[in-house]
Each structure stands twice: as C-alpha cells, then as structure tokens.
Amino acid sequence: MYKHTITTKNNLVFLNMHGRLMIDEDAQQMQENLFSIINSKLNTVVIDFKNLEYCNSSGLNSLITILTKTRNLGGDTFITNIPEKINELLIITKLNTVFNIIDNIEDFINKNK
C-alpha cells in the first residue's frame, strides 16, 4: 500500500512517501496533489524516502515528471533519506546523477530559510 503527505515550510514543498509506490494510479494521484500546490514561487520540492519501501518504474517515472515540472518553474527537486534498496535503483538507472540528494535535511532547511 502506498500513501503520501505534502506539507510546505520556508517556501519548500515536502513530499513524504510511505509504503510501496508501484501502481500508476498512485503515482498519478501523488503528482496531481503535488502539482496543485507548486507554482513559480513555490517551486522547490523535497522528497523524503525515509518510509518508502519499494519503487518501480511507475514511481521513477513520476519522480522524473516532478523534477521536470519544478525545473520548468525555475525550482528544483531534492531527495533525502534514501533507503539502500532504492538508492541502488537510483544508481542503476543513473537517476542519482540527475536528482539533488540531501544528506542532512535540517541543514538544507536552514539554508533555505
């Protein structure tokens, strides 16, 4: 089962993912919820993978869509708290070179106040 929460703080949008992102409908719903919030002023998204157990091609495609949308709005997408299995997937697909990866979320938030 997959679920997500979206919050905003300090002009950043935080997307917290939970469970297993494997179904196109889940990915589409997450994108729609996120895209209803981001705009040219609120255009930086931080995706927290801490509670994400699994992600397949549907999930990866949705991450690329989010990255494209934020960059088109003049912002960017960052990923943090990546579990080892998902990190391996990012390395295999070379998406680890496309996304900005945050090691310390608190430092990142403090820099973006």
PDB file of N, CA and C in Angstrom:
ATOM      1  N   MET A   1       0.838  -1.189   0.000  1.00  0.00           N
ATOM      2  CA  MET A   1       0.000   0.000   0.000  1.00  0.00           C
ATOM      3  C   MET A   1       0.880   1.248   0.000  1.00  0.00           C
ATOM      4  N   TYR A   2       0.462   2.255  -0.736  1.00  0.00           N
ATOM      5  CA  TYR A   2       1.211   3.494  -0.838  1.00  0.00           C
ATOM      6  C   TYR A   2       0.358   4.660  -0.343  1.00  0.00           C
ATOM      7  N   LYS A   3       1.000   5.593   0.328  1.00  0.00           N
ATOM      8  CA  LYS A   3       0.351   6.852   0.680  1.00  0.00           C
ATOM      9  C   LYS A   3       1.422   7.931   0.734  1.00  0.00           C
ATOM     10  N   HIS A   4       0.992   9.172   0.721  1.00  0.00           N
ATOM     11  CA  HIS A   4       1.935  10.282   0.779  1.00  0.00           C
ATOM     12  C   HIS A   4       1.303  11.449   1.538  1.00  0.00           C
ATOM     13  N   THR A   5       2.167  12.300   2.038  1.00  0.00           N
ATOM     14  CA  THR A   5       1.721  13.546   2.653  1.00  0.00           C
ATOM     15  C   THR A   5       2.518  14.683   2.023  1.00  0.00           C
ATOM     16  N   ILE A   6       1.868  15.829   1.899  1.00  0.00           N
ATOM     17  CA  ILE A   6       2.519  17.001   1.331  1.00  0.00           C
ATOM     18  C   ILE A   6       2.351  18.148   2.311  1.00  0.00           C
ATOM     19  N   THR A   7       3.467  18.797   2.649  1.00  0.00           N
ATOM     20  CA  THR A   7       3.440  19.957   3.536  1.00  0.00           C
ATOM     21  C   THR A   7       4.328  21.046   2.929  1.00  0.00           C
ATOM     22  N   THR A   8       4.167  22.261   3.413  1.00  0.00           N
ATOM     23  CA  THR A   8       5.032  23.355   2.979  1.00  0.00           C
ATOM     24  C   THR A   8       5.646  24.013   4.202  1.00  0.00           C
ATOM     25  N   LYS A   9       6.879  24.490   4.018  1.00  0.00           N
ATOM     26  CA  LYS A   9       7.587  25.196   5.088  1.00  0.00           C
ATOM     27  C   LYS A   9       8.744  25.959   4.453  1.00  0.00           C
ATOM     28  N   ASN A  10       8.915  27.214   4.829  1.00  0.00           N
ATOM     29  CA  ASN A  10      10.032  28.030   4.340  1.00  0.00           C
ATOM     30  C   ASN A  10      10.122  28.036   2.815  1.00  0.00           C
ATOM     31  N   ASN A  11       9.009  28.201   2.130  1.00  0.00           N
ATOM     32  CA  ASN A  11       8.963  28.214   0.661  1.00  0.00           C
ATOM     33  C   ASN A  11       9.426  26.915   0.027  1.00  0.00           C
ATOM     34  N   LEU A  12       9.368  25.826   0.773  1.00  0.00           N
ATOM     35  CA  LEU A  12       9.692  24.500   0.255  1.00  0.00           C
ATOM     36  C   LEU A  12       8.455  23.620   0.346  1.00  0.00           C
ATOM     37  N   VAL A  13       8.317  22.711  -0.591  1.00  0.00           N
ATOM     38  CA  VAL A  13       7.237  21.727  -0.567  1.00  0.00           C
ATOM     39  C   VAL A  13       7.866  20.388  -0.195  1.00  0.00           C
ATOM     40  N   PHE A  14       7.318  19.753   0.841  1.00  0.00           N
ATOM     41  CA  PHE A  14       7.838  18.469   1.301  1.00  0.00           C
ATOM     42  C   PHE A  14       6.862  17.367   0.939  1.00  0.00           C
ATOM     43  N   LEU A  15       7.361  16.372   0.218  1.00  0.00           N
ATOM     44  CA  LEU A  15       6.581  15.208  -0.162  1.00  0.00           C
ATOM     45  C   LEU A  15       7.153  14.014   0.588  1.00  0.00           C
ATOM     46  N   ASN A  16       6.379  13.483   1.524  1.00  0.00           N
ATOM     47  CA  ASN A  16       6.796  12.308   2.289  1.00  0.00           C
ATOM     48  C   ASN A  16       6.077  11.096   1.733  1.00  0.00           C
ATOM     49  N   MET A  17       6.860  10.123   1.288  1.00  0.00           N
ATOM     50  CA  MET A  17       6.308   8.931   0.663  1.00  0.00           C
ATOM     51  C   MET A  17       6.361   7.770   1.649  1.00  0.00           C
ATOM     52  N   HIS A  18       5.286   6.961   1.655  1.00  0.00           N
ATOM     53  CA  HIS A  18       5.176   5.841   2.591  1.00  0.00           C
ATOM     54  C   HIS A  18       4.714   4.592   1.837  1.00  0.00           C
ATOM     55  N   GLY A  19       5.365   3.479   2.095  1.00  0.00           N
ATOM     56  CA  GLY A  19       4.902   2.216   1.523  1.00  0.00           C
ATOM     57  C   GLY A  19       5.591   1.842   0.239  1.00  0.00           C
ATOM     58  N   ARG A  20       4.798   1.317  -0.690  1.00  0.00           N
ATOM     59  CA  ARG A  20       5.304   0.778  -1.950  1.00  0.00           C
ATOM     60  C   ARG A  20       4.676   1.519  -3.121  1.00  0.00           C
ATOM     61  N   LEU A  21       5.474   2.295  -3.842  1.00  0.00           N
ATOM     62  CA  LEU A  21       4.981   3.052  -4.993  1.00  0.00           C
ATOM     63  C   LEU A  21       5.164   2.196  -6.247  1.00  0.00           C
ATOM     64  N   MET A  22       4.081   1.519  -6.657  1.00  0.00           N
ATOM     65  CA  MET A  22       4.171   0.576  -7.760  1.00  0.00           C
ATOM     66  C   MET A  22       3.049   0.735  -8.775  1.00  0.00           C
ATOM     67  N   ILE A  23       1.985   1.403  -8.437  1.00  0.00           N
ATOM     68  CA  ILE A  23       0.801   1.460  -9.295  1.00  0.00           C
ATOM     69  C   ILE A  23       0.716   2.842  -9.945  1.00  0.00           C
ATOM     70  N   ASP A  24       0.458   2.844 -11.263  1.00  0.00           N
ATOM     71  CA  ASP A  24       0.352   4.113 -11.992  1.00  0.00           C
ATOM     72  C   ASP A  24      -0.645   5.064 -11.357  1.00  0.00           C
ATOM     73  N   GLU A  25      -1.777   4.536 -10.888  1.00  0.00           N
ATOM     74  CA  GLU A  25      -2.810   5.390 -10.298  1.00  0.00           C
ATOM     75  C   GLU A  25      -2.301   6.093  -9.045  1.00  0.00           C
ATOM     76  N   ASP A  26      -1.516   5.388  -8.224  1.00  0.00           N
ATOM     77  CA  ASP A  26      -0.936   6.014  -7.028  1.00  0.00           C
ATOM     78  C   ASP A  26       0.024   7.134  -7.421  1.00  0.00           C
ATOM     79  N   ALA A  27       0.848   6.865  -8.413  1.00  0.00           N
ATOM     80  CA  ALA A  27       1.811   7.866  -8.881  1.00  0.00           C
ATOM     81  C   ALA A  27       1.084   9.075  -9.460  1.00  0.00           C
ATOM     82  N   GLN A  28       0.049   8.837 -10.256  1.00  0.00           N
ATOM     83  CA  GLN A  28      -0.730   9.926 -10.847  1.00  0.00           C
ATOM     84  C   GLN A  28      -1.401  10.786  -9.774  1.00  0.00           C
ATOM     85  N   GLN A  29      -1.989  10.142  -8.771  1.00  0.00           N
ATOM     86  CA  GLN A  29      -2.652  10.880  -7.696  1.00  0.00           C
ATOM     87  C   GLN A  29      -1.660  11.734  -6.927  1.00  0.00           C
ATOM     88  N   MET A  30      -0.484  11.175  -6.658  1.00  0.00           N
ATOM     89  CA  MET A  30       0.549  11.923  -5.950  1.00  0.00           C
ATOM     90  C   MET A  30       0.974  13.137  -6.758  1.00  0.00           C
ATOM     91  N   GLN A  31       1.195  12.957  -8.057  1.00  0.00           N
ATOM     92  CA  GLN A  31       1.574  14.076  -8.924  1.00  0.00           C
ATOM     93  C   GLN A  31       0.485  15.147  -8.939  1.00  0.00           C
ATOM     94  N   GLU A  32      -0.756  14.753  -9.091  1.00  0.00           N
ATOM     95  CA  GLU A  32      -1.854  15.722  -9.123  1.00  0.00           C
ATOM     96  C   GLU A  32      -1.916  16.522  -7.827  1.00  0.00           C
ATOM     97  N   ASN A  33      -1.789  15.835  -6.700  1.00  0.00           N
ATOM     98  CA  ASN A  33      -1.809  16.528  -5.408  1.00  0.00           C
ATOM     99  C   ASN A  33      -0.647  17.508  -5.300  1.00  0.00           C
ATOM    100  N   LEU A  34       0.521  17.081  -5.729  1.00  0.00           N
ATOM    101  CA  LEU A  34       1.701  17.933  -5.649  1.00  0.00           C
ATOM    102  C   LEU A  34       1.595  19.115  -6.614  1.00  0.00           C
ATOM    103  N   PHE A  35       1.162  18.850  -7.846  1.00  0.00           N
ATOM    104  CA  PHE A  35       1.096  19.904  -8.850  1.00  0.00           C
ATOM    105  C   PHE A  35       0.025  20.937  -8.539  1.00  0.00           C
ATOM    106  N   SER A  36      -0.936  20.592  -7.698  1.00  0.00           N
ATOM    107  CA  SER A  36      -1.944  21.573  -7.302  1.00  0.00           C
ATOM    108  C   SER A  36      -1.368  22.595  -6.319  1.00  0.00           C
ATOM    109  N   ILE A  37      -0.194  22.301  -5.762  1.00  0.00           N
ATOM    110  CA  ILE A  37       0.429  23.179  -4.770  1.00  0.00           C
ATOM    111  C   ILE A  37       1.576  23.994  -5.358  1.00  0.00           C
ATOM    112  N   ILE A  38       2.413  23.354  -6.188  1.00  0.00           N
ATOM    113  CA  ILE A  38       3.607  24.060  -6.658  1.00  0.00           C
ATOM    114  C   ILE A  38       3.244  25.081  -7.731  1.00  0.00           C
ATOM    115  N   ASN A  39       4.045  26.137  -7.782  1.00  0.00           N
ATOM    116  CA  ASN A  39       3.875  27.205  -8.772  1.00  0.00           C
ATOM    117  C   ASN A  39       5.217  27.903  -8.942  1.00  0.00           C
ATOM    118  N   SER A  40       5.266  29.029  -9.646  1.00  0.00           N
ATOM    119  CA  SER A  40       6.536  29.693  -9.919  1.00  0.00           C
ATOM    120  C   SER A  40       7.212  30.237  -8.655  1.00  0.00           C
ATOM    121  N   LYS A  41       6.455  30.469  -7.600  1.00  0.00           N
ATOM    122  CA  LYS A  41       7.051  30.949  -6.347  1.00  0.00           C
ATOM    123  C   LYS A  41       7.317  29.814  -5.357  1.00  0.00           C
ATOM    124  N   LEU A  42       6.523  28.793  -5.394  1.00  0.00           N
ATOM    125  CA  LEU A  42       6.659  27.626  -4.520  1.00  0.00           C
ATOM    126  C   LEU A  42       7.045  26.449  -5.427  1.00  0.00           C
ATOM    127  N   ASN A  43       8.337  26.436  -5.815  1.00  0.00           N
ATOM    128  CA  ASN A  43       8.762  25.551  -6.893  1.00  0.00           C
ATOM    129  C   ASN A  43       9.895  24.584  -6.524  1.00  0.00           C
ATOM    130  N   THR A  44      10.186  24.468  -5.249  1.00  0.00           N
ATOM    131  CA  THR A  44      11.233  23.546  -4.811  1.00  0.00           C
ATOM    132  C   THR A  44      10.604  22.455  -3.969  1.00  0.00           C
ATOM    133  N   VAL A  45      10.823  21.212  -4.397  1.00  0.00           N
ATOM    134  CA  VAL A  45      10.225  20.059  -3.732  1.00  0.00           C
ATOM    135  C   VAL A  45      11.319  19.212  -3.095  1.00  0.00           C
ATOM    136  N   VAL A  46      11.088  18.825  -1.857  1.00  0.00           N
ATOM    137  CA  VAL A  46      11.972  17.902  -1.151  1.00  0.00           C
ATOM    138  C   VAL A  46      11.193  16.610  -0.946  1.00  0.00           C
ATOM    139  N   ILE A  47      11.677  15.527  -1.547  1.00  0.00           N
ATOM    140  CA  ILE A  47      11.009  14.236  -1.448  1.00  0.00           C
ATOM    141  C   ILE A  47      11.735  13.394  -0.413  1.00  0.00           C
ATOM    142  N   ASP A  48      11.009  12.986   0.607  1.00  0.00           N
ATOM    143  CA  ASP A  48      11.576  12.183   1.693  1.00  0.00           C
ATOM    144  C   ASP A  48      11.225  10.711   1.462  1.00  0.00           C
ATOM    145  N   PHE A  49      12.259   9.904   1.258  1.00  0.00           N
ATOM    146  CA  PHE A  49      12.091   8.468   1.007  1.00  0.00           C
ATOM    147  C   PHE A  49      12.188   7.627   2.278  1.00  0.00           C
ATOM    148  N   LYS A  50      12.272   8.268   3.417  1.00  0.00           N
ATOM    149  CA  LYS A  50      12.517   7.536   4.664  1.00  0.00           C
ATOM    150  C   LYS A  50      11.584   6.345   4.855  1.00  0.00           C
ATOM    151  N   ASN A  51      10.304   6.519   4.546  1.00  0.00           N
ATOM    152  CA  ASN A  51       9.315   5.461   4.758  1.00  0.00           C
ATOM    153  C   ASN A  51       8.878   4.780   3.465  1.00  0.00           C
ATOM    154  N   LEU A  52       9.641   4.988   2.393  1.00  0.00           N
ATOM    155  CA  LEU A  52       9.328   4.337   1.124  1.00  0.00           C
ATOM    156  C   LEU A  52      10.016   2.974   1.100  1.00  0.00           C
ATOM    157  N   GLU A  53       9.222   1.921   0.942  1.00  0.00           N
ATOM    158  CA  GLU A  53       9.752   0.559   0.977  1.00  0.00           C
ATOM    159  C   GLU A  53      10.188   0.069  -0.394  1.00  0.00           C
ATOM    160  N   TYR A  54       9.493   0.514  -1.434  1.00  0.00           N
ATOM    161  CA  TYR A  54       9.749  -0.004  -2.767  1.00  0.00           C
ATOM    162  C   TYR A  54       9.268   0.999  -3.800  1.00  0.00           C
ATOM    163  N   CYS A  55       9.936   1.031  -4.931  1.00  0.00           N
ATOM    164  CA  CYS A  55       9.561   1.930  -6.018  1.00  0.00           C
ATOM    165  C   CYS A  55       9.900   1.226  -7.326  1.00  0.00           C
ATOM    166  N   ASN A  56       8.942   1.173  -8.260  1.00  0.00           N
ATOM    167  CA  ASN A  56       9.212   0.555  -9.556  1.00  0.00           C
ATOM    168  C   ASN A  56       9.236   1.634 -10.638  1.00  0.00           C
ATOM    169  N   SER A  57       9.115   1.228 -11.889  1.00  0.00           N
ATOM    170  CA  SER A  57       9.219   2.179 -12.997  1.00  0.00           C
ATOM    171  C   SER A  57       8.120   3.247 -12.959  1.00  0.00           C
ATOM    172  N   SER A  58       6.940   2.901 -12.469  1.00  0.00           N
ATOM    173  CA  SER A  58       5.870   3.909 -12.338  1.00  0.00           C
ATOM    174  C   SER A  58       6.302   5.009 -11.382  1.00  0.00           C
ATOM    175  N   GLY A  59       6.894   4.611 -10.276  1.00  0.00           N
ATOM    176  CA  GLY A  59       7.374   5.583  -9.297  1.00  0.00           C
ATOM    177  C   GLY A  59       8.517   6.420  -9.841  1.00  0.00           C
ATOM    178  N   LEU A  60       9.456   5.774 -10.539  1.00  0.00           N
ATOM    179  CA  LEU A  60      10.587   6.510 -11.114  1.00  0.00           C
ATOM    180  C   LEU A  60      10.112   7.512 -12.161  1.00  0.00           C
ATOM    181  N   ASN A  61       9.168   7.099 -12.977  1.00  0.00           N
ATOM    182  CA  ASN A  61       8.621   7.993 -13.992  1.00  0.00           C
ATOM    183  C   ASN A  61       7.972   9.211 -13.346  1.00  0.00           C
ATOM    184  N   SER A  62       7.272   8.993 -12.261  1.00  0.00           N
ATOM    185  CA  SER A  62       6.631  10.110 -11.583  1.00  0.00           C
ATOM    186  C   SER A  62       7.662  11.054 -10.963  1.00  0.00           C
ATOM    187  N   LEU A  63       8.769  10.505 -10.466  1.00  0.00           N
ATOM    188  CA  LEU A  63       9.841  11.361  -9.927  1.00  0.00           C
ATOM    189  C   LEU A  63      10.445  12.238 -11.020  1.00  0.00           C
ATOM    190  N   ILE A  64      10.642  11.664 -12.190  1.00  0.00           N
ATOM    191  CA  ILE A  64      11.187  12.432 -13.312  1.00  0.00           C
ATOM    192  C   ILE A  64      10.209  13.522 -13.731  1.00  0.00           C
ATOM    193  N   THR A  65       8.923  13.217 -13.713  1.00  0.00           N
ATOM    194  CA  THR A  65       7.901  14.208 -14.051  1.00  0.00           C
ATOM    195  C   THR A  65       7.921  15.365 -13.052  1.00  0.00           C
ATOM    196  N   ILE A  66       8.061  15.038 -11.768  1.00  0.00           N
ATOM    197  CA  ILE A  66       8.134  16.076 -10.729  1.00  0.00           C
ATOM    198  C   ILE A  66       9.371  16.939 -10.942  1.00  0.00           C
ATOM    199  N   LEU A  67      10.505  16.301 -11.200  1.00  0.00           N
ATOM    200  CA  LEU A  67      11.749  17.036 -11.442  1.00  0.00           C
ATOM    201  C   LEU A  67      11.592  17.994 -12.627  1.00  0.00           C
ATOM    202  N   THR A  68      11.033  17.502 -13.709  1.00  0.00           N
ATOM    203  CA  THR A  68      10.832  18.334 -14.906  1.00  0.00           C
ATOM    204  C   THR A  68       9.924  19.515 -14.602  1.00  0.00           C
ATOM    205  N   LYS A  69       8.830  19.262 -13.903  1.00  0.00           N
ATOM    206  CA  LYS A  69       7.874  20.329 -13.574  1.00  0.00           C
ATOM    207  C   LYS A  69       8.527  21.407 -12.709  1.00  0.00           C
ATOM    208  N   THR A  70       9.253  21.006 -11.664  1.00  0.00           N
ATOM    209  CA  THR A  70       9.863  22.003 -10.780  1.00  0.00           C
ATOM    210  C   THR A  70      10.932  22.806 -11.515  1.00  0.00           C
ATOM    211  N   ARG A  71      11.723  22.153 -12.339  1.00  0.00           N
ATOM    212  CA  ARG A  71      12.764  22.877 -13.083  1.00  0.00           C
ATOM    213  C   ARG A  71      12.144  23.815 -14.115  1.00  0.00           C
ATOM    214  N   ASN A  72      11.049  23.410 -14.736  1.00  0.00           N
ATOM    215  CA  ASN A  72      10.362  24.298 -15.680  1.00  0.00           C
ATOM    216  C   ASN A  72       9.795  25.531 -14.986  1.00  0.00           C
ATOM    217  N   LEU A  73       9.505  25.418 -13.695  1.00  0.00           N
ATOM    218  CA  LEU A  73       9.001  26.544 -12.907  1.00  0.00           C
ATOM    219  C   LEU A  73      10.126  27.360 -12.273  1.00  0.00           C
ATOM    220  N   GLY A  74      11.382  27.013 -12.575  1.00  0.00           N
ATOM    221  CA  GLY A  74      12.526  27.736 -12.024  1.00  0.00           C
ATOM    222  C   GLY A  74      13.007  27.210 -10.689  1.00  0.00           C
ATOM    223  N   GLY A  75      12.508  26.063 -10.268  1.00  0.00           N
ATOM    224  CA  GLY A  75      12.910  25.475  -8.994  1.00  0.00           C
ATOM    225  C   GLY A  75      13.710  24.204  -9.206  1.00  0.00           C
ATOM    226  N   ASP A  76      13.573  23.273  -8.262  1.00  0.00           N
ATOM    227  CA  ASP A  76      14.298  22.014  -8.362  1.00  0.00           C
ATOM    228  C   ASP A  76      13.657  20.981  -7.450  1.00  0.00           C
ATOM    229  N   THR A  77      14.116  19.748  -7.584  1.00  0.00           N
ATOM    230  CA  THR A  77      13.634  18.646  -6.762  1.00  0.00           C
ATOM    231  C   THR A  77      14.821  18.021  -6.050  1.00  0.00           C
ATOM    232  N   PHE A  78      14.651  17.786  -4.766  1.00  0.00           N
ATOM    233  CA  PHE A  78      15.694  17.179  -3.937  1.00  0.00           C
ATOM    234  C   PHE A  78      15.151  15.900  -3.311  1.00  0.00           C
ATOM    235  N   ILE A  79      16.031  14.940  -3.093  1.00  0.00           N
ATOM    236  CA  ILE A  79      15.648  13.673  -2.466  1.00  0.00           C
ATOM    237  C   ILE A  79      16.479  13.493  -1.207  1.00  0.00           C
ATOM    238  N   THR A  80      15.841  12.974  -0.165  1.00  0.00           N
ATOM    239  CA  THR A  80      16.538  12.740   1.091  1.00  0.00           C
ATOM    240  C   THR A  80      16.096  11.418   1.719  1.00  0.00           C
ATOM    241  N   ASN A  81      16.883  10.945   2.666  1.00  0.00           N
ATOM    242  CA  ASN A  81      16.593   9.720   3.431  1.00  0.00           C
ATOM    243  C   ASN A  81      16.312   8.520   2.525  1.00  0.00           C
ATOM    244  N   ILE A  82      17.248   8.219   1.652  1.00  0.00           N
ATOM    245  CA  ILE A  82      17.056   7.167   0.664  1.00  0.00           C
ATOM    246  C   ILE A  82      17.456   5.810   1.249  1.00  0.00           C
ATOM    247  N   PRO A  83      16.501   4.861   1.323  1.00  0.00           N
ATOM    248  CA  PRO A  83      16.843   3.514   1.779  1.00  0.00           C
ATOM    249  C   PRO A  83      17.812   2.846   0.787  1.00  0.00           C
ATOM    250  N   GLU A  84      18.586   1.891   1.273  1.00  0.00           N
ATOM    251  CA  GLU A  84      19.629   1.266   0.465  1.00  0.00           C
ATOM    252  C   GLU A  84      19.096   0.650  -0.832  1.00  0.00           C
ATOM    253  N   LYS A  85      17.980  -0.082  -0.755  1.00  0.00           N
ATOM    254  CA  LYS A  85      17.435  -0.720  -1.965  1.00  0.00           C
ATOM    255  C   LYS A  85      17.037   0.308  -3.018  1.00  0.00           C
ATOM    256  N   ILE A  86      16.440   1.394  -2.592  1.00  0.00           N
ATOM    257  CA  ILE A  86      16.017   2.418  -3.541  1.00  0.00           C
ATOM    258  C   ILE A  86      17.225   3.183  -4.060  1.00  0.00           C
ATOM    259  N   ASN A  87      18.228   3.370  -3.218  1.00  0.00           N
ATOM    260  CA  ASN A  87      19.455   4.016  -3.660  1.00  0.00           C
ATOM    261  C   ASN A  87      20.124   3.191  -4.761  1.00  0.00           C
ATOM    262  N   GLU A  88      20.118   1.875  -4.611  1.00  0.00           N
ATOM    263  CA  GLU A  88      20.672   1.003  -5.648  1.00  0.00           C
ATOM    264  C   GLU A  88      19.915   1.182  -6.959  1.00  0.00           C
ATOM    265  N   LEU A  89      18.594   1.301  -6.891  1.00  0.00           N
ATOM    266  CA  LEU A  89      17.779   1.530  -8.077  1.00  0.00           C
ATOM    267  C   LEU A  89      18.135   2.872  -8.728  1.00  0.00           C
ATOM    268  N   LEU A  90      18.331   3.899  -7.925  1.00  0.00           N
ATOM    269  CA  LEU A  90      18.711   5.208  -8.456  1.00  0.00           C
ATOM    270  C   LEU A  90      20.078   5.145  -9.133  1.00  0.00           C
ATOM    271  N   ILE A  91      20.992   4.368  -8.572  1.00  0.00           N
ATOM    272  CA  ILE A  91      22.329   4.230  -9.154  1.00  0.00           C
ATOM    273  C   ILE A  91      22.256   3.464 -10.474  1.00  0.00           C
ATOM    274  N   ILE A  92      21.517   2.363 -10.486  1.00  0.00           N
ATOM    275  CA  ILE A  92      21.386   1.549 -11.705  1.00  0.00           C
ATOM    276  C   ILE A  92      20.791   2.361 -12.851  1.00  0.00           C
ATOM    277  N   THR A  93      19.793   3.176 -12.539  1.00  0.00           N
ATOM    278  CA  THR A  93      19.128   3.984 -13.557  1.00  0.00           C
ATOM    279  C   THR A  93      19.851   5.310 -13.802  1.00  0.00           C
ATOM    280  N   LYS A  94      20.897   5.550 -13.043  1.00  0.00           N
ATOM    281  CA  LYS A  94      21.694   6.780 -13.102  1.00  0.00           C
ATOM    282  C   LYS A  94      20.904   8.029 -12.703  1.00  0.00           C
ATOM    283  N   LEU A  95      19.762   7.833 -12.061  1.00  0.00           N
ATOM    284  CA  LEU A  95      18.984   8.978 -11.592  1.00  0.00           C
ATOM    285  C   LEU A  95      19.651   9.667 -10.410  1.00  0.00           C
ATOM    286  N   ASN A  96      20.591   8.981  -9.771  1.00  0.00           N
ATOM    287  CA  ASN A  96      21.334   9.617  -8.682  1.00  0.00           C
ATOM    288  C   ASN A  96      22.186  10.774  -9.198  1.00  0.00           C
ATOM    289  N   THR A  97      22.459  10.796 -10.508  1.00  0.00           N
ATOM    290  CA  THR A  97      23.227  11.901 -11.085  1.00  0.00           C
ATOM    291  C   THR A  97      22.325  13.028 -11.578  1.00  0.00           C
ATOM    292  N   VAL A  98      21.022  12.779 -11.637  1.00  0.00           N
ATOM    293  CA  VAL A  98      20.065  13.765 -12.136  1.00  0.00           C
ATOM    294  C   VAL A  98      19.439  14.550 -10.984  1.00  0.00           C
ATOM    295  N   PHE A  99      19.107  13.844  -9.915  1.00  0.00           N
ATOM    296  CA  PHE A  99      18.481  14.481  -8.758  1.00  0.00           C
ATOM    297  C   PHE A  99      19.532  15.021  -7.800  1.00  0.00           C
ATOM    298  N   ASN A 100      19.160  16.053  -7.071  1.00  0.00           N
ATOM    299  CA  ASN A 100      19.986  16.556  -5.981  1.00  0.00           C
ATOM    300  C   ASN A 100      19.658  15.729  -4.744  1.00  0.00           C
ATOM    301  N   ILE A 101      20.671  15.157  -4.143  1.00  0.00           N
ATOM    302  CA  ILE A 101      20.460  14.311  -2.972  1.00  0.00           C
ATOM    303  C   ILE A 101      20.936  15.050  -1.734  1.00  0.00           C
ATOM    304  N   ILE A 102      20.061  15.099  -0.731  1.00  0.00           N
ATOM    305  CA  ILE A 102      20.342  15.812   0.518  1.00  0.00           C
ATOM    306  C   ILE A 102      20.708  14.788   1.583  1.00  0.00           C
ATOM    307  N   ASP A 103      21.858  14.988   2.202  1.00  0.00           N
ATOM    308  CA  ASP A 103      22.256  14.105   3.301  1.00  0.00           C
ATOM    309  C   ASP A 103      21.659  14.554   4.631  1.00  0.00           C
ATOM    310  N   ASN A 104      21.631  15.861   4.851  1.00  0.00           N
ATOM    311  CA  ASN A 104      21.152  16.381   6.125  1.00  0.00           C
ATOM    312  C   ASN A 104      20.009  17.363   5.873  1.00  0.00           C
ATOM    313  N   ILE A 105      18.807  16.921   6.115  1.00  0.00           N
ATOM    314  CA  ILE A 105      17.622  17.721   5.814  1.00  0.00           C
ATOM    315  C   ILE A 105      17.543  18.987   6.660  1.00  0.00           C
ATOM    316  N   GLU A 106      17.983  18.918   7.911  1.00  0.00           N
ATOM    317  CA  GLU A 106      17.931  20.104   8.773  1.00  0.00           C
ATOM    318  C   GLU A 106      18.832  21.211   8.248  1.00  0.00           C
ATOM    319  N   ASP A 107      20.058  20.844   7.819  1.00  0.00           N
ATOM    320  CA  ASP A 107      20.964  21.837   7.246  1.00  0.00           C
ATOM    321  C   ASP A 107      20.367  22.452   5.990  1.00  0.00           C
ATOM    322  N   PHE A 108      19.741  21.629   5.167  1.00  0.00           N
ATOM    323  CA  PHE A 108      19.130  22.113   3.933  1.00  0.00           C
ATOM    324  C   PHE A 108      18.015  23.118   4.232  1.00  0.00           C
ATOM    325  N   ILE A 109      17.165  22.782   5.183  1.00  0.00           N
ATOM    326  CA  ILE A 109      16.064  23.682   5.551  1.00  0.00           C
ATOM    327  C   ILE A 109      16.605  24.991   6.086  1.00  0.00           C
ATOM    328  N   ASN A 110      17.628  24.929   6.935  1.00  0.00           N
ATOM    329  CA  ASN A 110      18.201  26.139   7.497  1.00  0.00           C
ATOM    330  C   ASN A 110      18.819  27.028   6.419  1.00  0.00           C
ATOM    331  N   LYS A 111      19.406  26.434   5.387  1.00  0.00           N
ATOM    332  CA  LYS A 111      19.998  27.209   4.294  1.00  0.00           C
ATOM    333  C   LYS A 111      18.922  27.860   3.438  1.00  0.00           C
ATOM    334  N   ASN A 112      17.709  27.314   3.448  1.00  0.00           N
ATOM    335  CA  ASN A 112      16.639  27.819   2.582  1.00  0.00           C
ATOM    336  C   ASN A 112      15.598  28.626   3.332  1.00  0.00           C
ATOM    337  N   LYS A 113      15.945  29.148   4.469  1.00  0.00           N
ATOM    338  CA  LYS A 113      15.001  29.979   5.227  1.00  0.00           C
ATOM    339  C   LYS A 113      14.892  31.343   4.605  1.00  0.00           C
TER     340      LYS A 113
END
